[in-house]
Amino acid sequence: MADTGSPRGNEPPDRVAEADRLAGFAEAQSALVLAVTADGQTLPEIGTLPFVRHGDAFWVLASELASHTRPLLDRGEARVALLADSSATRNPFARERAHWAARVESVERGDERFATITTALRARHGKTVDLLCGLGDFHLLGFHLAAGHYVN
């Protein structure tokens, strides 16, 4: 999942340590940035959403009122990024970040996973999740990560 470029000197990269750093970095983030291009468009729609990592995916609640949601549902793929908080970054040109291609999955309210995942979202982001789950225009979307890069 993480591609950190070439090894330093003659030492091979430590993939286990790198995966641990990436997991810690992802856990410390509260929102992801996404980009998806609607069919027939040349410029992507950009969005940022609070997420929770559950199982093998990042999960969000996305409103149909947002310009990025319909293309996510239609295409089933996106680019996803996590960025370190700028206040915790000494050099803005060397900000810790990760980005991936992702397959997008929509989970319907009747699916038994809906309650489990939204409970995890609520634990991380608070009671507003309950309100959003009650609104018909919100979709529970999972971003299943594929190839990507991690820069630390």
Protein backbone atom coordinates (compact mmCIF):
# COMPACT_ATOMS: atom_id res chain seq x y z
CA MET A 1 0.00 0.00 0.00
CA ALA A 2 2.84 2.41 0.70
CA ASP A 3 5.41 3.41 -1.88
CA THR A 4 8.06 5.55 -0.27
CA GLY A 5 10.43 5.80 -3.20
CA SER A 6 13.95 4.46 -3.36
CA PRO A 7 15.76 3.03 -0.34
CA ARG A 8 18.35 5.15 1.45
CA GLY A 9 21.86 4.08 0.54
CA ASN A 10 22.17 0.32 0.06
CA GLU A 11 19.61 -0.53 2.72
CA PRO A 12 16.32 -2.03 1.54
CA PRO A 13 13.20 -0.26 2.79
CA ASP A 14 11.68 -1.65 5.97
CA ARG A 15 8.14 -2.35 4.69
CA VAL A 16 6.82 -3.44 8.10
CA ALA A 17 8.01 -0.25 9.81
CA GLU A 18 6.68 1.80 6.89
CA ALA A 19 3.26 0.12 7.13
CA ASP A 20 3.20 0.82 10.89
CA ARG A 21 4.02 4.51 10.31
CA LEU A 22 1.31 4.75 7.65
CA ALA A 23 -1.26 3.11 9.95
CA GLY A 24 -0.40 5.56 12.73
CA PHE A 25 -0.57 8.49 10.33
CA ALA A 26 -3.98 7.40 8.99
CA GLU A 27 -5.34 6.93 12.52
CA ALA A 28 -4.27 10.46 13.46
CA GLN A 29 -6.20 12.05 10.58
CA SER A 30 -9.86 12.99 10.86
CA ALA A 31 -10.81 13.89 7.29
CA LEU A 32 -9.92 12.62 3.86
CA VAL A 33 -9.76 14.52 0.58
CA LEU A 34 -11.17 12.90 -2.52
CA ALA A 35 -11.21 13.57 -6.24
CA VAL A 36 -13.57 12.02 -8.75
CA THR A 37 -14.33 12.97 -12.34
CA ALA A 38 -17.94 12.81 -13.46
CA ASP A 39 -18.68 11.10 -16.78
CA GLY A 40 -18.35 13.58 -19.60
CA GLN A 41 -16.35 16.06 -17.50
CA THR A 42 -12.66 16.88 -17.72
CA LEU A 43 -12.11 18.43 -14.29
CA PRO A 44 -12.56 16.45 -11.09
CA GLU A 45 -14.97 17.18 -8.29
CA ILE A 46 -13.11 17.57 -4.98
CA GLY A 47 -14.48 16.84 -1.54
CA THR A 48 -13.35 16.47 2.04
CA LEU A 49 -15.18 14.27 4.51
CA PRO A 50 -14.73 12.95 8.06
CA PHE A 51 -13.93 9.23 7.92
CA VAL A 52 -13.35 6.16 10.00
CA ARG A 53 -11.10 3.28 9.07
CA HIS A 54 -13.09 0.09 9.51
CA GLY A 55 -11.93 -3.23 8.11
CA ASP A 56 -10.07 -2.65 4.88
CA ALA A 57 -11.64 0.67 3.94
CA PHE A 58 -12.10 4.33 4.85
CA TRP A 59 -15.83 4.97 5.43
CA VAL A 60 -17.69 8.27 5.03
CA LEU A 61 -21.22 9.63 4.94
CA ALA A 62 -21.67 11.64 1.74
CA SER A 63 -24.65 13.84 0.85
CA GLU A 64 -26.23 13.88 -2.61
CA LEU A 65 -26.18 17.69 -2.26
CA ALA A 66 -22.38 17.58 -2.59
CA SER A 67 -21.10 17.70 -6.18
CA HIS A 68 -18.74 14.77 -5.64
CA THR A 69 -21.31 12.22 -4.40
CA ARG A 70 -23.13 11.39 -7.65
CA PRO A 71 -19.86 10.73 -9.55
CA LEU A 72 -18.66 8.53 -6.67
CA LEU A 73 -21.83 6.46 -6.89
CA ASP A 74 -21.81 6.34 -10.71
CA ARG A 75 -18.12 5.61 -11.31
CA GLY A 76 -17.31 3.51 -8.27
CA GLU A 77 -13.75 4.82 -8.16
CA ALA A 78 -11.87 7.84 -6.87
CA ARG A 79 -8.54 9.18 -5.69
CA VAL A 80 -8.25 9.58 -1.91
CA ALA A 81 -5.68 11.54 0.09
CA LEU A 82 -4.79 12.16 3.71
CA LEU A 83 -2.76 15.24 4.60
CA ALA A 84 -1.02 16.02 7.87
CA ASP A 85 -2.35 19.07 9.70
CA SER A 86 -0.46 22.14 8.50
CA SER A 87 -0.08 23.36 12.10
CA ALA A 88 1.93 20.20 12.85
CA THR A 89 4.12 20.54 9.76
CA ARG A 90 7.42 22.38 10.02
CA ASN A 91 7.96 22.59 6.27
CA PRO A 92 4.80 23.03 4.15
CA PHE A 93 6.65 21.63 1.14
CA ALA A 94 7.41 18.41 3.00
CA ARG A 95 4.02 17.71 4.58
CA GLU A 96 3.36 14.10 5.54
CA ARG A 97 0.74 12.72 3.15
CA ALA A 98 -0.65 9.60 1.55
CA HIS A 99 -2.82 9.06 -1.51
CA TRP A 100 -4.36 6.10 -3.26
CA ALA A 101 -6.61 4.98 -6.04
CA ALA A 102 -9.73 3.52 -4.45
CA ARG A 103 -12.75 1.43 -5.34
CA VAL A 104 -15.93 3.00 -3.94
CA GLU A 105 -18.59 0.81 -2.31
CA SER A 106 -22.03 2.03 -1.26
CA VAL A 107 -23.63 0.25 1.70
CA GLU A 108 -27.42 0.49 1.93
CA ARG A 109 -29.21 1.11 5.23
CA GLY A 110 -30.70 -2.41 5.18
CA ASP A 111 -27.26 -4.02 5.01
CA GLU A 112 -26.16 -5.36 8.43
CA ARG A 113 -22.80 -3.61 8.00
CA PHE A 114 -24.50 -0.19 7.94
CA ALA A 115 -25.12 -0.15 11.71
CA THR A 116 -21.65 -1.46 12.54
CA ILE A 117 -19.83 1.06 10.38
CA THR A 118 -21.98 4.04 11.39
CA THR A 119 -21.41 3.10 15.04
CA ALA A 120 -17.66 3.36 14.36
CA LEU A 121 -18.22 6.72 12.64
CA ARG A 122 -20.25 7.94 15.62
CA ALA A 123 -17.55 6.83 18.08
CA ARG A 124 -15.00 8.87 16.17
CA HIS A 125 -17.03 11.91 15.09
CA GLY A 126 -19.93 12.26 17.52
CA LYS A 127 -23.71 12.36 17.56
CA THR A 128 -24.05 14.32 14.30
CA VAL A 129 -23.61 10.93 12.59
CA ASP A 130 -27.05 9.91 13.96
CA LEU A 131 -28.64 12.98 12.37
CA LEU A 132 -26.94 12.35 9.02
CA CYS A 133 -27.98 8.69 9.01
CA GLY A 134 -31.58 9.84 9.34
CA LEU A 135 -31.37 12.05 6.25
CA GLY A 136 -32.26 10.25 3.02
CA ASP A 137 -29.67 12.01 0.86
CA PHE A 138 -26.69 10.62 2.78
CA HIS A 139 -24.88 7.51 1.54
CA LEU A 140 -22.45 5.34 3.46
CA LEU A 141 -19.45 4.96 1.16
CA GLY A 142 -16.37 2.83 1.62
CA PHE A 143 -13.09 3.61 -0.10
CA HIS A 144 -11.18 0.35 -0.62
CA LEU A 145 -7.57 1.38 -1.21
CA ALA A 146 -5.44 0.14 -4.07
CA ALA A 147 -2.09 1.44 -5.32
CA GLY A 148 -0.82 4.54 -3.61
CA HIS A 149 2.03 6.53 -2.15
CA TYR A 150 3.01 7.58 1.36
CA VAL A 151 5.45 10.43 1.95
CA ASN A 152 6.75 11.03 5.46
